[in-house]
Amino acid sequence: MPEFIGLIPEELLYPEKLEDFLIWLIQLDVDPWTKKYIYLDFCYWVGIAVDKEHIDLFTGGAEITWG
């Protein structure tokens, strides 16, 4: 089981809730690197592709968070 999936509200754990999930994640009071891993777990769990543009929303495009 992905490490951070338990942090995500159950009602957001659907592919069609991606936009709502991203809004929730941006507002979450954790560091950008943790947000990245929460996002990766979300993508894995709901079966959608990881998108660098989404990661840039909450990391500010910092290169260290992508690679």
PDB file of N, CA and C in Angstrom:
ATOM      1  N   MET A   1       0.849  -1.179   0.000  1.00  0.00           N
ATOM      2  CA  MET A   1       0.000   0.000   0.000  1.00  0.00           C
ATOM      3  C   MET A   1       0.892   1.240   0.000  1.00  0.00           C
ATOM      4  N   PRO A   2       0.559   2.226  -0.830  1.00  0.00           N
ATOM      5  CA  PRO A   2       1.346   3.463  -0.845  1.00  0.00           C
ATOM      6  C   PRO A   2       1.374   4.121   0.539  1.00  0.00           C
ATOM      7  N   GLU A   3       2.508   4.690   0.862  1.00  0.00           N
ATOM      8  CA  GLU A   3       2.762   5.226   2.207  1.00  0.00           C
ATOM      9  C   GLU A   3       1.829   6.358   2.612  1.00  0.00           C
ATOM     10  N   PHE A   4       1.488   7.252   1.686  1.00  0.00           N
ATOM     11  CA  PHE A   4       0.746   8.464   2.036  1.00  0.00           C
ATOM     12  C   PHE A   4      -0.736   8.404   1.693  1.00  0.00           C
ATOM     13  N   ILE A   5      -1.216   7.305   1.159  1.00  0.00           N
ATOM     14  CA  ILE A   5      -2.594   7.233   0.679  1.00  0.00           C
ATOM     15  C   ILE A   5      -3.607   7.468   1.806  1.00  0.00           C
ATOM     16  N   GLY A   6      -3.256   7.096   3.023  1.00  0.00           N
ATOM     17  CA  GLY A   6      -4.159   7.287   4.157  1.00  0.00           C
ATOM     18  C   GLY A   6      -4.392   8.738   4.532  1.00  0.00           C
ATOM     19  N   LEU A   7      -3.546   9.639   4.042  1.00  0.00           N
ATOM     20  CA  LEU A   7      -3.717  11.065   4.320  1.00  0.00           C
ATOM     21  C   LEU A   7      -4.766  11.721   3.429  1.00  0.00           C
ATOM     22  N   ILE A   8      -5.037  11.104   2.295  1.00  0.00           N
ATOM     23  CA  ILE A   8      -5.930  11.695   1.301  1.00  0.00           C
ATOM     24  C   ILE A   8      -7.373  11.370   1.665  1.00  0.00           C
ATOM     25  N   PRO A   9      -8.240  12.395   1.695  1.00  0.00           N
ATOM     26  CA  PRO A   9      -9.658  12.126   1.984  1.00  0.00           C
ATOM     27  C   PRO A   9     -10.238  11.124   0.982  1.00  0.00           C
ATOM     28  N   GLU A  10     -10.996  10.178   1.485  1.00  0.00           N
ATOM     29  CA  GLU A  10     -11.518   9.090   0.663  1.00  0.00           C
ATOM     30  C   GLU A  10     -12.316   9.583  -0.540  1.00  0.00           C
ATOM     31  N   GLU A  11     -13.041  10.683  -0.374  1.00  0.00           N
ATOM     32  CA  GLU A  11     -13.869  11.186  -1.469  1.00  0.00           C
ATOM     33  C   GLU A  11     -13.047  11.730  -2.646  1.00  0.00           C
ATOM     34  N   LEU A  12     -11.737  11.904  -2.446  1.00  0.00           N
ATOM     35  CA  LEU A  12     -10.866  12.394  -3.514  1.00  0.00           C
ATOM     36  C   LEU A  12     -10.141  11.261  -4.249  1.00  0.00           C
ATOM     37  N   LEU A  13     -10.319  10.035  -3.825  1.00  0.00           N
ATOM     38  CA  LEU A  13      -9.555   8.919  -4.382  1.00  0.00           C
ATOM     39  C   LEU A  13     -10.183   8.326  -5.652  1.00  0.00           C
ATOM     40  N   TYR A  14     -10.489   9.209  -6.592  1.00  0.00           N
ATOM     41  CA  TYR A  14     -11.062   8.819  -7.879  1.00  0.00           C
ATOM     42  C   TYR A  14     -10.407   9.654  -8.970  1.00  0.00           C
ATOM     43  N   PRO A  15     -10.150   9.065 -10.129  1.00  0.00           N
ATOM     44  CA  PRO A  15      -9.488   9.815 -11.209  1.00  0.00           C
ATOM     45  C   PRO A  15     -10.218  11.102 -11.581  1.00  0.00           C
ATOM     46  N   GLU A  16     -11.543  11.071 -11.558  1.00  0.00           N
ATOM     47  CA  GLU A  16     -12.312  12.267 -11.934  1.00  0.00           C
ATOM     48  C   GLU A  16     -12.240  13.371 -10.880  1.00  0.00           C
ATOM     49  N   LYS A  17     -11.649  13.093  -9.730  1.00  0.00           N
ATOM     50  CA  LYS A  17     -11.485  14.087  -8.665  1.00  0.00           C
ATOM     51  C   LYS A  17     -10.089  14.716  -8.680  1.00  0.00           C
ATOM     52  N   LEU A  18      -9.344  14.550  -9.759  1.00  0.00           N
ATOM     53  CA  LEU A  18      -7.974  15.053  -9.829  1.00  0.00           C
ATOM     54  C   LEU A  18      -7.891  16.538  -9.497  1.00  0.00           C
ATOM     55  N   GLU A  19      -8.748  17.358 -10.092  1.00  0.00           N
ATOM     56  CA  GLU A  19      -8.691  18.799  -9.842  1.00  0.00           C
ATOM     57  C   GLU A  19      -8.945  19.114  -8.368  1.00  0.00           C
ATOM     58  N   ASP A  20      -9.946  18.480  -7.775  1.00  0.00           N
ATOM     59  CA  ASP A  20     -10.233  18.688  -6.349  1.00  0.00           C
ATOM     60  C   ASP A  20      -9.055  18.209  -5.490  1.00  0.00           C
ATOM     61  N   PHE A  21      -8.461  17.078  -5.868  1.00  0.00           N
ATOM     62  CA  PHE A  21      -7.296  16.574  -5.148  1.00  0.00           C
ATOM     63  C   PHE A  21      -6.152  17.583  -5.198  1.00  0.00           C
ATOM     64  N   LEU A  22      -5.876  18.146  -6.376  1.00  0.00           N
ATOM     65  CA  LEU A  22      -4.779  19.105  -6.510  1.00  0.00           C
ATOM     66  C   LEU A  22      -5.017  20.347  -5.660  1.00  0.00           C
ATOM     67  N   ILE A  23      -6.256  20.815  -5.625  1.00  0.00           N
ATOM     68  CA  ILE A  23      -6.584  21.976  -4.766  1.00  0.00           C
ATOM     69  C   ILE A  23      -6.338  21.620  -3.301  1.00  0.00           C
ATOM     70  N   TRP A  24      -6.793  20.443  -2.893  1.00  0.00           N
ATOM     71  CA  TRP A  24      -6.571  19.991  -1.516  1.00  0.00           C
ATOM     72  C   TRP A  24      -5.078  19.906  -1.222  1.00  0.00           C
ATOM     73  N   LEU A  25      -4.329  19.342  -2.153  1.00  0.00           N
ATOM     74  CA  LEU A  25      -2.899  19.146  -1.947  1.00  0.00           C
ATOM     75  C   LEU A  25      -2.151  20.466  -1.855  1.00  0.00           C
ATOM     76  N   ILE A  26      -2.489  21.414  -2.714  1.00  0.00           N
ATOM     77  CA  ILE A  26      -1.835  22.726  -2.679  1.00  0.00           C
ATOM     78  C   ILE A  26      -2.040  23.389  -1.324  1.00  0.00           C
ATOM     79  N   GLN A  27      -3.211  23.217  -0.742  1.00  0.00           N
ATOM     80  CA  GLN A  27      -3.541  23.855   0.540  1.00  0.00           C
ATOM     81  C   GLN A  27      -3.002  23.091   1.752  1.00  0.00           C
ATOM     82  N   LEU A  28      -2.554  21.865   1.547  1.00  0.00           N
ATOM     83  CA  LEU A  28      -2.064  21.040   2.641  1.00  0.00           C
ATOM     84  C   LEU A  28      -0.798  21.643   3.251  1.00  0.00           C
ATOM     85  N   ASP A  29      -0.736  21.653   4.567  1.00  0.00           N
ATOM     86  CA  ASP A  29       0.376  22.290   5.278  1.00  0.00           C
ATOM     87  C   ASP A  29       1.528  21.306   5.515  1.00  0.00           C
ATOM     88  N   VAL A  30       2.168  20.903   4.410  1.00  0.00           N
ATOM     89  CA  VAL A  30       3.378  20.082   4.466  1.00  0.00           C
ATOM     90  C   VAL A  30       4.346  20.620   3.418  1.00  0.00           C
ATOM     91  N   ASP A  31       5.589  20.204   3.493  1.00  0.00           N
ATOM     92  CA  ASP A  31       6.595  20.700   2.563  1.00  0.00           C
ATOM     93  C   ASP A  31       6.335  20.173   1.144  1.00  0.00           C
ATOM     94  N   PRO A  32       6.872  20.868   0.130  1.00  0.00           N
ATOM     95  CA  PRO A  32       6.634  20.492  -1.270  1.00  0.00           C
ATOM     96  C   PRO A  32       7.099  19.076  -1.611  1.00  0.00           C
ATOM     97  N   TRP A  33       8.155  18.605  -0.971  1.00  0.00           N
ATOM     98  CA  TRP A  33       8.655  17.265  -1.272  1.00  0.00           C
ATOM     99  C   TRP A  33       7.684  16.196  -0.786  1.00  0.00           C
ATOM    100  N   THR A  34       7.078  16.421   0.372  1.00  0.00           N
ATOM    101  CA  THR A  34       6.064  15.494   0.868  1.00  0.00           C
ATOM    102  C   THR A  34       4.838  15.534  -0.029  1.00  0.00           C
ATOM    103  N   LYS A  35       4.457  16.722  -0.490  1.00  0.00           N
ATOM    104  CA  LYS A  35       3.336  16.842  -1.421  1.00  0.00           C
ATOM    105  C   LYS A  35       3.601  16.048  -2.694  1.00  0.00           C
ATOM    106  N   LYS A  36       4.833  16.063  -3.143  1.00  0.00           N
ATOM    107  CA  LYS A  36       5.187  15.296  -4.342  1.00  0.00           C
ATOM    108  C   LYS A  36       4.900  13.818  -4.127  1.00  0.00           C
ATOM    109  N   TYR A  37       5.288  13.279  -2.992  1.00  0.00           N
ATOM    110  CA  TYR A  37       5.075  11.863  -2.735  1.00  0.00           C
ATOM    111  C   TYR A  37       3.600  11.533  -2.504  1.00  0.00           C
ATOM    112  N   ILE A  38       2.858  12.452  -1.913  1.00  0.00           N
ATOM    113  CA  ILE A  38       1.414  12.259  -1.779  1.00  0.00           C
ATOM    114  C   ILE A  38       0.789  12.211  -3.172  1.00  0.00           C
ATOM    115  N   TYR A  39       1.215  13.117  -4.048  1.00  0.00           N
ATOM    116  CA  TYR A  39       0.724  13.139  -5.424  1.00  0.00           C
ATOM    117  C   TYR A  39       1.061  11.835  -6.158  1.00  0.00           C
ATOM    118  N   LEU A  40       2.289  11.364  -6.010  1.00  0.00           N
ATOM    119  CA  LEU A  40       2.686  10.113  -6.668  1.00  0.00           C
ATOM    120  C   LEU A  40       1.841   8.942  -6.166  1.00  0.00           C
ATOM    121  N   ASP A  41       1.575   8.901  -4.863  1.00  0.00           N
ATOM    122  CA  ASP A  41       0.727   7.847  -4.319  1.00  0.00           C
ATOM    123  C   ASP A  41      -0.691   7.941  -4.875  1.00  0.00           C
ATOM    124  N   PHE A  42      -1.215   9.163  -4.978  1.00  0.00           N
ATOM    125  CA  PHE A  42      -2.543   9.374  -5.547  1.00  0.00           C
ATOM    126  C   PHE A  42      -2.604   8.832  -6.975  1.00  0.00           C
ATOM    127  N   CYS A  43      -1.626   9.197  -7.777  1.00  0.00           N
ATOM    128  CA  CYS A  43      -1.597   8.744  -9.177  1.00  0.00           C
ATOM    129  C   CYS A  43      -1.552   7.226  -9.267  1.00  0.00           C
ATOM    130  N   TYR A  44      -0.720   6.617  -8.454  1.00  0.00           N
ATOM    131  CA  TYR A  44      -0.624   5.155  -8.433  1.00  0.00           C
ATOM    132  C   TYR A  44      -1.966   4.538  -8.038  1.00  0.00           C
ATOM    133  N   TRP A  45      -2.571   5.058  -6.992  1.00  0.00           N
ATOM    134  CA  TRP A  45      -3.794   4.494  -6.428  1.00  0.00           C
ATOM    135  C   TRP A  45      -4.969   4.585  -7.394  1.00  0.00           C
ATOM    136  N   VAL A  46      -5.110   5.747  -8.084  1.00  0.00           N
ATOM    137  CA  VAL A  46      -6.270   5.924  -8.970  1.00  0.00           C
ATOM    138  C   VAL A  46      -5.958   5.530 -10.413  1.00  0.00           C
ATOM    139  N   GLY A  47      -4.696   5.219 -10.698  1.00  0.00           N
ATOM    140  CA  GLY A  47      -4.337   4.721 -12.016  1.00  0.00           C
ATOM    141  C   GLY A  47      -4.212   5.777 -13.095  1.00  0.00           C
ATOM    142  N   ILE A  48      -3.682   6.942 -12.724  1.00  0.00           N
ATOM    143  CA  ILE A  48      -3.464   7.976 -13.729  1.00  0.00           C
ATOM    144  C   ILE A  48      -1.968   8.253 -13.864  1.00  0.00           C
ATOM    145  N   ALA A  49      -1.602   8.844 -14.991  1.00  0.00           N
ATOM    146  CA  ALA A  49      -0.195   9.145 -15.257  1.00  0.00           C
ATOM    147  C   ALA A  49       0.263  10.354 -14.449  1.00  0.00           C
ATOM    148  N   VAL A  50       1.511  10.303 -14.007  1.00  0.00           N
ATOM    149  CA  VAL A  50       2.144  11.427 -13.323  1.00  0.00           C
ATOM    150  C   VAL A  50       2.392  12.520 -14.363  1.00  0.00           C
ATOM    151  N   ASP A  51       2.142  13.763 -13.980  1.00  0.00           N
ATOM    152  CA  ASP A  51       2.315  14.898 -14.884  1.00  0.00           C
ATOM    153  C   ASP A  51       3.210  15.932 -14.212  1.00  0.00           C
ATOM    154  N   LYS A  52       4.320  16.264 -14.851  1.00  0.00           N
ATOM    155  CA  LYS A  52       5.262  17.235 -14.281  1.00  0.00           C
ATOM    156  C   LYS A  52       4.589  18.578 -14.020  1.00  0.00           C
ATOM    157  N   GLU A  53       3.660  18.972 -14.868  1.00  0.00           N
ATOM    158  CA  GLU A  53       2.956  20.243 -14.658  1.00  0.00           C
ATOM    159  C   GLU A  53       2.185  20.239 -13.344  1.00  0.00           C
ATOM    160  N   HIS A  54       1.618  19.110 -12.989  1.00  0.00           N
ATOM    161  CA  HIS A  54       0.917  19.017 -11.704  1.00  0.00           C
ATOM    162  C   HIS A  54       1.909  19.172 -10.553  1.00  0.00           C
ATOM    163  N   ILE A  55       3.028  18.504 -10.648  1.00  0.00           N
ATOM    164  CA  ILE A  55       4.039  18.600  -9.593  1.00  0.00           C
ATOM    165  C   ILE A  55       4.532  20.040  -9.465  1.00  0.00           C
ATOM    166  N   ASP A  56       4.701  20.718 -10.578  1.00  0.00           N
ATOM    167  CA  ASP A  56       5.150  22.114 -10.546  1.00  0.00           C
ATOM    168  C   ASP A  56       4.160  23.029  -9.831  1.00  0.00           C
ATOM    169  N   LEU A  57       2.872  22.672  -9.799  1.00  0.00           N
ATOM    170  CA  LEU A  57       1.872  23.478  -9.105  1.00  0.00           C
ATOM    171  C   LEU A  57       2.198  23.640  -7.623  1.00  0.00           C
ATOM    172  N   PHE A  58       2.681  22.588  -7.006  1.00  0.00           N
ATOM    173  CA  PHE A  58       2.922  22.665  -5.567  1.00  0.00           C
ATOM    174  C   PHE A  58       4.392  22.661  -5.178  1.00  0.00           C
ATOM    175  N   THR A  59       5.292  22.553  -6.151  1.00  0.00           N
ATOM    176  CA  THR A  59       6.716  22.639  -5.829  1.00  0.00           C
ATOM    177  C   THR A  59       7.336  23.935  -6.329  1.00  0.00           C
ATOM    178  N   GLY A  60       6.566  24.690  -7.101  1.00  0.00           N
ATOM    179  CA  GLY A  60       7.106  25.917  -7.672  1.00  0.00           C
ATOM    180  C   GLY A  60       8.083  25.631  -8.798  1.00  0.00           C
ATOM    181  N   GLY A  61       8.074  24.417  -9.313  1.00  0.00           N
ATOM    182  CA  GLY A  61       8.954  24.051 -10.424  1.00  0.00           C
ATOM    183  C   GLY A  61      10.395  23.778 -10.027  1.00  0.00           C
ATOM    184  N   ALA A  62      10.633  23.582  -8.740  1.00  0.00           N
ATOM    185  CA  ALA A  62      12.003  23.318  -8.288  1.00  0.00           C
ATOM    186  C   ALA A  62      12.504  22.025  -8.921  1.00  0.00           C
ATOM    187  N   GLU A  63      13.603  22.079  -9.617  1.00  0.00           N
ATOM    188  CA  GLU A  63      14.160  20.921 -10.324  1.00  0.00           C
ATOM    189  C   GLU A  63      14.482  19.751  -9.412  1.00  0.00           C
ATOM    190  N   ILE A  64      14.905  20.039  -8.216  1.00  0.00           N
ATOM    191  CA  ILE A  64      15.304  18.971  -7.293  1.00  0.00           C
ATOM    192  C   ILE A  64      14.121  18.043  -6.993  1.00  0.00           C
ATOM    193  N   THR A  65      12.880  18.535  -7.100  1.00  0.00           N
ATOM    194  CA  THR A  65      11.726  17.717  -6.750  1.00  0.00           C
ATOM    195  C   THR A  65      11.324  16.786  -7.871  1.00  0.00           C
ATOM    196  N   TRP A  66      11.766  17.008  -9.085  1.00  0.00           N
ATOM    197  CA  TRP A  66      11.338  16.172 -10.194  1.00  0.00           C
ATOM    198  C   TRP A  66      12.252  14.968 -10.408  1.00  0.00           C
ATOM    199  N   GLY A  67      13.542  15.164 -10.247  1.00  0.00           N
ATOM    200  CA  GLY A  67      14.443  14.100 -10.620  1.00  0.00           C
ATOM    201  C   GLY A  67      14.973  13.261  -9.566  1.00  0.00           C
TER     202      GLY A  67
END
